[in-house]
Amino acid sequence: MAEEVNIPYKKENIIKCLCPTCPVQEHSTCAKEKMMNYQDLLQSEDDPKPEEYPGMYCTNGKAVCKDLDTEKNCICNECMVYKEFELENAQPNFLFCGNGKLKNRIFSFLISCFLYF
């Protein structure tokens, strides 16, 4: 069984997002250019558009920047958004910038029951 999970794309979650510090984006010129406007985006009354912010891929889908190095170690599992929304049981469950946005999550209860028996 799977449940649909919607992670709100809002400043509260954007601030928690680790994507901009991820080794996958470390040498991305595109991501660096987008991060130059980060403070302005956060001070705005509106939430930034997904194409303006190099992150929150778990909710927005694959990265707009095409110069990411998806061979580097992904740090999704260290992110507060990842932990808060229990994305370890999600599909996909890492490298959202390359694999696309979260589609669903297997019920944790069912996994626990399966592992117990």
Protein backbone atom coordinates (compact mmCIF):
# COMPACT_ATOMS: atom_id res chain seq x y z
CA MET A 1 0.00 0.00 0.00
CA ALA A 2 1.21 3.49 -0.76
CA GLU A 3 0.07 6.92 0.31
CA GLU A 4 0.42 10.12 -1.63
CA VAL A 5 2.56 12.72 0.10
CA ASN A 6 2.45 16.39 -0.73
CA ILE A 7 5.30 18.46 0.60
CA PRO A 8 4.25 22.11 0.63
CA TYR A 9 6.47 24.32 -1.48
CA LYS A 10 6.77 27.24 0.92
CA LYS A 11 9.51 29.29 2.54
CA GLU A 12 9.31 27.33 5.78
CA ASN A 13 10.42 24.19 3.94
CA ILE A 14 12.76 26.00 1.55
CA ILE A 15 14.75 27.26 4.55
CA LYS A 16 15.12 23.66 5.80
CA CYS A 17 16.10 22.33 2.36
CA LEU A 18 19.69 21.09 2.00
CA CYS A 19 19.71 20.86 -1.80
CA PRO A 20 21.76 24.06 -2.26
CA THR A 21 24.55 22.60 -0.10
CA CYS A 22 24.46 19.13 -1.69
CA PRO A 23 27.66 17.80 -3.32
CA VAL A 24 25.54 17.02 -6.39
CA GLN A 25 25.17 20.79 -6.97
CA GLU A 26 28.62 21.78 -5.69
CA HIS A 27 30.11 22.59 -9.10
CA SER A 28 26.91 23.63 -10.86
CA THR A 29 27.24 27.09 -12.37
CA CYS A 30 23.48 27.17 -12.89
CA ALA A 31 22.69 26.38 -9.21
CA LYS A 32 25.26 28.92 -8.00
CA GLU A 33 23.71 31.62 -10.17
CA LYS A 34 20.24 30.84 -8.81
CA MET A 35 21.52 30.93 -5.21
CA MET A 36 22.85 34.47 -5.73
CA ASN A 37 19.22 35.64 -5.42
CA TYR A 38 18.39 33.42 -2.42
CA GLN A 39 18.16 36.21 0.18
CA ASP A 40 15.97 38.32 -2.11
CA LEU A 41 13.70 35.34 -2.71
CA LEU A 42 13.29 34.73 1.02
CA GLN A 43 12.56 38.39 1.77
CA SER A 44 9.88 38.54 -0.88
CA GLU A 45 6.26 38.19 0.21
CA ASP A 46 5.74 35.46 -2.37
CA ASP A 47 7.24 32.00 -2.38
CA PRO A 48 9.92 31.69 -5.05
CA LYS A 49 9.02 29.89 -8.24
CA PRO A 50 10.55 26.40 -8.47
CA GLU A 51 12.65 27.40 -11.47
CA GLU A 52 14.19 30.25 -9.41
CA TYR A 53 15.40 28.09 -6.53
CA PRO A 54 17.84 25.17 -6.90
CA GLY A 55 16.19 22.89 -4.40
CA MET A 56 13.02 21.29 -3.00
CA TYR A 57 13.31 18.69 -5.75
CA CYS A 58 11.39 16.24 -3.56
CA THR A 59 8.30 18.33 -4.27
CA ASN A 60 9.21 20.09 -7.55
CA GLY A 61 10.80 17.29 -9.49
CA LYS A 62 13.97 17.11 -11.52
CA ALA A 63 16.39 20.01 -11.46
CA VAL A 64 16.12 22.74 -14.07
CA CYS A 65 19.92 23.00 -13.97
CA LYS A 66 21.46 20.45 -16.28
CA ASP A 67 25.02 20.70 -14.97
CA LEU A 68 24.48 18.74 -11.73
CA ASP A 69 26.78 15.80 -10.99
CA THR A 70 24.43 13.00 -9.95
CA GLU A 71 27.44 10.71 -9.47
CA LYS A 72 28.28 12.63 -6.28
CA ASN A 73 26.91 11.57 -2.89
CA CYS A 74 23.37 12.77 -2.33
CA ILE A 75 22.54 14.22 1.12
CA CYS A 76 18.74 14.02 0.89
CA ASN A 77 18.60 11.72 3.92
CA GLU A 78 20.25 14.42 6.09
CA CYS A 79 17.63 17.05 5.22
CA MET A 80 15.00 18.18 7.76
CA VAL A 81 12.32 18.14 5.04
CA TYR A 82 13.27 14.53 4.22
CA LYS A 83 13.07 13.55 7.90
CA GLU A 84 9.89 15.50 8.67
CA PHE A 85 7.99 13.90 5.79
CA GLU A 86 9.55 10.43 6.35
CA LEU A 87 10.88 10.17 2.82
CA GLU A 88 13.03 7.12 3.55
CA ASN A 89 9.99 5.06 2.54
CA ALA A 90 9.24 7.16 -0.53
CA GLN A 91 9.54 6.40 -4.22
CA PRO A 92 12.00 7.69 -5.25
CA ASN A 93 13.70 8.11 -1.88
CA PHE A 94 16.87 10.02 -2.83
CA LEU A 95 18.45 12.09 -5.57
CA PHE A 96 15.16 13.82 -6.36
CA CYS A 97 17.08 16.32 -8.52
CA GLY A 98 17.82 13.51 -10.97
CA ASN A 99 15.08 10.96 -10.23
CA GLY A 100 12.15 13.37 -10.05
CA LYS A 101 9.74 14.39 -7.36
CA LEU A 102 8.26 12.24 -4.67
CA LYS A 103 5.46 10.06 -6.00
CA ASN A 104 4.27 8.19 -2.92
CA ARG A 105 5.30 6.66 0.36
CA ILE A 106 4.77 3.12 1.56
CA PHE A 107 2.89 3.06 4.84
CA SER A 108 5.46 2.93 7.62
CA PHE A 109 3.11 0.75 9.67
CA LEU A 110 3.00 -1.91 6.97
CA ILE A 111 6.77 -1.90 6.66
CA SER A 112 7.11 -2.27 10.44
CA CYS A 113 4.68 -5.20 10.45
CA PHE A 114 6.49 -6.87 7.57
CA LEU A 115 9.89 -6.50 9.26
CA TYR A 116 8.50 -7.78 12.56
CA PHE A 117 7.17 -11.03 11.13
